[in-house]
Structure formats: C-alpha cells, structure tokens
C-alpha cells in the first residue's frame, strides 16, 4: 500500500509517495500541464537548421562522474556525456514548459535505469515522441534561441545544439568551424 502526500521539494511542487509498511518516501515530480494538440496537424522541420559541430572528450576520467558540472572553459574539451546530460535537462524542461509528452528510449533509458545518468560512451540521446501531432507542436512552438537546441528532420526527427547552447560557452572555445575538414 502506498499513500500519496502533496509536499514541496526544493522550490518545485512534487508528490511524495509513502509506502505504508516500510515508511520509505519516493518523490515524484508534479506532472507537466499537457498542451492541446488539436491545432497542430502539419509542420515541416528544417533539414539542417543552425546546428553546430563541436569538440568533446570521452576519455577524461571525470566523464564517468555524471554529477560533475560541465566545464566549458577548461583546457580540454568538455565531456561528451556531460554535454548530453545538459541537453537532456534542457530538452526535458522545454517539453514540460510546452506541455508535450515524450519518453526516454534505448540507450538513454538504459543509462537512466542502470545508473541514473547518461552512459559515458554514448554519442546521442534517444527519445520517443508519441505522435505526429506532438512533433508538429514541437516544431511550431520550440524556442531555439532560448534553449540553444534546434529541431531538425533528417529522415527522422532530431535535436541539435546551436551556437546559443549553454549561453554560447560551448561555441566560444570548442566549435568546429568546418566539420567536413575536421573529419578528414
């Protein structure tokens, strides 16, 4: 048996679930207010938008610690997993602000389930958007300037980092200006 108690945790409204037999408390964030999707029937995301390519590190030992803050100004590129963690947080906050549903999937879900963090060696985040209406609303409502993330379509829906991501800190020092030349 579980009892639901409405409480406030660190300036956010949350529901605490208290297991009656053990007394253990589980905190669940308040559900986001869902957006009415009836007006979003079609939208076309740009193919490449204002995406930015950047350097990041996978080999630094600190990359295995998902709790460390992202160091955009250090002597070496910031950890890829830390950047993805920041992207995930911003994506979640924006989807909640817009009242749009999504689910973590594949490697992203695995990392969250196993260790409550992004898998350090991953190169992307995996989310499932439940319907075309949600994707269309996302395309129409997304604020790339505020989030530093842009929605693009490359045979599947994607989110990419723009120069405004992290207040421009990533692009100031770690932007790859010509990604085709950098790969050669």
Protein backbone atom coordinates (compact mmCIF):
# COMPACT_ATOMS: atom_id res chain seq x y z
CA UNK A 1 0.00 0.00 0.00
CA UNK A 2 1.21 3.48 -0.91
CA UNK A 3 -0.15 6.78 0.40
CA UNK A 4 0.18 9.95 -1.69
CA UNK A 5 1.13 13.15 0.14
CA UNK A 6 1.42 16.56 -1.56
CA UNK A 7 4.63 18.33 -0.49
CA UNK A 8 7.11 20.87 -1.79
CA UNK A 9 10.74 19.95 -2.55
CA UNK A 10 13.45 22.49 -3.41
CA UNK A 11 11.14 25.11 -4.89
CA UNK A 12 9.29 22.56 -7.05
CA UNK A 13 5.93 21.04 -6.40
CA UNK A 14 6.10 17.27 -6.06
CA UNK A 15 4.07 14.37 -4.85
CA UNK A 16 5.63 12.22 -2.14
CA UNK A 17 4.57 8.61 -2.12
CA UNK A 18 4.99 6.97 1.27
CA UNK A 19 4.95 3.19 1.43
CA UNK A 20 2.77 2.43 4.46
CA UNK A 21 4.55 -0.79 5.52
CA UNK A 22 8.15 0.47 5.27
CA UNK A 23 7.75 4.22 5.68
CA UNK A 24 10.04 4.80 2.67
CA UNK A 25 9.38 8.03 0.77
CA UNK A 26 9.50 8.21 -3.03
CA UNK A 27 9.38 11.70 -4.56
CA UNK A 28 7.71 12.07 -7.95
CA UNK A 29 7.75 15.43 -9.77
CA UNK A 30 4.42 17.07 -10.45
CA UNK A 31 3.13 16.17 -13.91
CA UNK A 32 3.58 18.83 -16.57
CA UNK A 33 0.45 20.54 -17.86
CA UNK A 34 -0.21 18.93 -21.26
CA UNK A 35 -0.72 21.09 -24.35
CA UNK A 36 -3.86 20.89 -26.52
CA UNK A 37 -2.58 19.43 -29.80
CA UNK A 38 -5.74 19.79 -31.90
CA UNK A 39 -4.34 22.76 -33.88
CA UNK A 40 -1.04 21.10 -34.86
CA UNK A 41 -1.72 18.99 -37.93
CA UNK A 42 1.35 19.60 -40.07
CA UNK A 43 4.68 21.31 -39.80
CA UNK A 44 8.00 20.83 -41.53
CA UNK A 45 11.19 21.00 -39.52
CA UNK A 46 14.24 22.41 -41.29
CA UNK A 47 16.68 19.81 -42.60
CA UNK A 48 19.81 21.29 -41.05
CA UNK A 49 18.77 24.43 -39.11
CA UNK A 50 21.58 26.25 -37.30
CA UNK A 51 23.32 23.15 -35.92
CA UNK A 52 26.79 23.43 -34.50
CA UNK A 53 29.55 20.82 -34.52
CA UNK A 54 31.90 20.82 -31.54
CA UNK A 55 34.76 19.00 -29.86
CA UNK A 56 34.13 17.00 -26.71
CA UNK A 57 36.02 14.43 -24.67
CA UNK A 58 35.15 10.80 -24.00
CA UNK A 59 38.47 9.78 -22.45
CA UNK A 60 38.78 12.14 -19.48
CA UNK A 61 38.30 10.19 -16.22
CA UNK A 62 35.90 12.88 -14.94
CA UNK A 63 33.50 11.95 -17.76
CA UNK A 64 32.48 8.88 -15.77
CA UNK A 65 31.11 11.09 -12.99
CA UNK A 66 27.68 12.26 -14.14
CA UNK A 67 27.32 14.58 -11.15
CA UNK A 68 30.19 16.93 -12.04
CA UNK A 69 29.23 20.22 -13.70
CA UNK A 70 30.13 20.66 -17.36
CA UNK A 71 33.43 22.55 -17.71
CA UNK A 72 33.05 24.55 -20.93
CA UNK A 73 36.06 26.77 -20.14
CA UNK A 74 38.68 24.14 -19.23
CA UNK A 75 41.96 23.44 -21.04
CA UNK A 76 40.47 20.37 -22.76
CA UNK A 77 37.08 19.87 -24.39
CA UNK A 78 34.17 19.23 -22.02
CA UNK A 79 32.93 15.66 -21.53
CA UNK A 80 30.54 14.48 -24.25
CA UNK A 81 28.34 12.77 -21.63
CA UNK A 82 28.14 15.98 -19.58
CA UNK A 83 27.04 17.95 -22.65
CA UNK A 84 24.41 15.30 -23.42
CA UNK A 85 23.24 15.47 -19.80
CA UNK A 86 22.80 19.24 -20.19
CA UNK A 87 20.94 18.73 -23.48
CA UNK A 88 18.69 16.17 -21.81
CA UNK A 89 17.87 18.54 -18.94
CA UNK A 90 17.08 21.44 -21.29
CA UNK A 91 15.01 19.18 -23.57
CA UNK A 92 13.01 17.90 -20.59
CA UNK A 93 12.41 21.42 -19.22
CA UNK A 94 11.28 22.72 -22.62
CA UNK A 95 8.98 19.77 -23.34
CA UNK A 96 7.41 20.25 -19.90
CA UNK A 97 7.07 24.01 -20.47
CA UNK A 98 5.35 23.31 -23.80
CA UNK A 99 3.18 20.60 -22.25
CA UNK A 100 4.38 17.95 -24.72
CA UNK A 101 4.87 14.27 -23.89
CA UNK A 102 7.92 12.19 -24.74
CA UNK A 103 9.68 9.11 -23.39
CA UNK A 104 13.34 8.22 -22.99
CA UNK A 105 14.23 5.10 -25.00
CA UNK A 106 17.04 2.72 -25.97
CA UNK A 107 20.49 3.72 -24.62
CA UNK A 108 19.16 6.82 -22.86
CA UNK A 109 16.61 4.78 -20.94
CA UNK A 110 19.21 2.11 -20.18
CA UNK A 111 21.62 4.66 -18.69
CA UNK A 112 18.88 6.25 -16.61
CA UNK A 113 17.67 2.88 -15.35
CA UNK A 114 21.12 1.46 -14.57
CA UNK A 115 22.91 4.47 -13.09
CA UNK A 116 20.53 7.47 -13.24
CA UNK A 117 22.86 9.16 -15.74
CA UNK A 118 23.83 9.34 -19.40
CA UNK A 119 26.01 6.41 -20.46
CA UNK A 120 29.54 7.93 -20.64
CA UNK A 121 30.42 6.40 -24.04
CA UNK A 122 27.20 7.29 -25.84
CA UNK A 123 27.04 9.77 -28.71
CA UNK A 124 23.34 10.63 -28.66
CA UNK A 125 20.10 10.75 -26.71
CA UNK A 126 17.12 8.62 -27.66
CA UNK A 127 13.58 9.86 -27.15
CA UNK A 128 10.25 8.69 -28.47
CA UNK A 129 7.74 11.36 -29.43
CA UNK A 130 4.32 9.67 -29.15
CA UNK A 131 2.54 11.15 -32.15
CA UNK A 132 2.82 13.27 -35.26
CA UNK A 133 0.71 15.92 -33.51
CA UNK A 134 3.30 16.22 -30.72
CA UNK A 135 6.13 16.52 -33.28
CA UNK A 136 4.17 19.18 -35.18
CA UNK A 137 3.50 21.15 -31.99
CA UNK A 138 7.16 20.82 -31.03
CA UNK A 139 8.28 22.20 -34.41
CA UNK A 140 5.84 25.10 -34.19
CA UNK A 141 6.45 26.03 -30.54
CA UNK A 142 10.13 25.24 -29.94
CA UNK A 143 12.29 28.24 -28.95
CA UNK A 144 15.79 27.51 -30.30
CA UNK A 145 17.19 30.86 -29.12
CA UNK A 146 16.14 30.30 -25.52
CA UNK A 147 17.13 26.61 -25.34
CA UNK A 148 20.20 26.54 -27.58
CA UNK A 149 18.67 23.48 -29.23
CA UNK A 150 17.04 23.25 -32.66
CA UNK A 151 14.64 20.67 -34.06
CA UNK A 152 15.70 19.24 -37.43
CA UNK A 153 14.48 16.49 -39.72
CA UNK A 154 16.97 14.07 -41.32
CA UNK A 155 14.71 11.15 -42.25
CA UNK A 156 13.91 11.08 -38.51
CA UNK A 157 13.27 13.89 -36.06
CA UNK A 158 16.38 15.13 -34.28
CA UNK A 159 17.51 17.86 -31.90
CA UNK A 160 20.86 19.55 -32.41
CA UNK A 161 22.97 22.04 -30.48
CA UNK A 162 23.07 25.63 -31.77
CA UNK A 163 25.70 28.32 -31.07
CA UNK A 164 23.46 29.69 -28.28
CA UNK A 165 23.60 26.45 -26.28
CA UNK A 166 24.88 26.88 -22.69
CA UNK A 167 24.83 30.64 -23.11
CA UNK A 168 27.28 30.36 -26.02
CA UNK A 169 30.03 28.86 -23.81
CA UNK A 170 30.43 25.70 -25.90
CA UNK A 171 30.78 27.53 -29.22
CA UNK A 172 33.27 30.13 -27.93
CA UNK A 173 36.03 27.60 -27.36
CA UNK A 174 35.04 24.20 -28.79
CA UNK A 175 33.09 24.86 -32.01
CA UNK A 176 34.31 23.04 -35.13
CA UNK A 177 34.03 25.69 -37.84
CA UNK A 178 34.37 23.35 -40.82
CA UNK A 179 33.14 19.88 -39.76
CA UNK A 180 33.89 18.27 -43.15
CA UNK A 181 37.55 19.29 -42.94
CA UNK A 182 37.80 18.18 -39.29
CA UNK A 183 36.74 14.61 -40.18
CA UNK A 184 39.39 14.20 -42.89
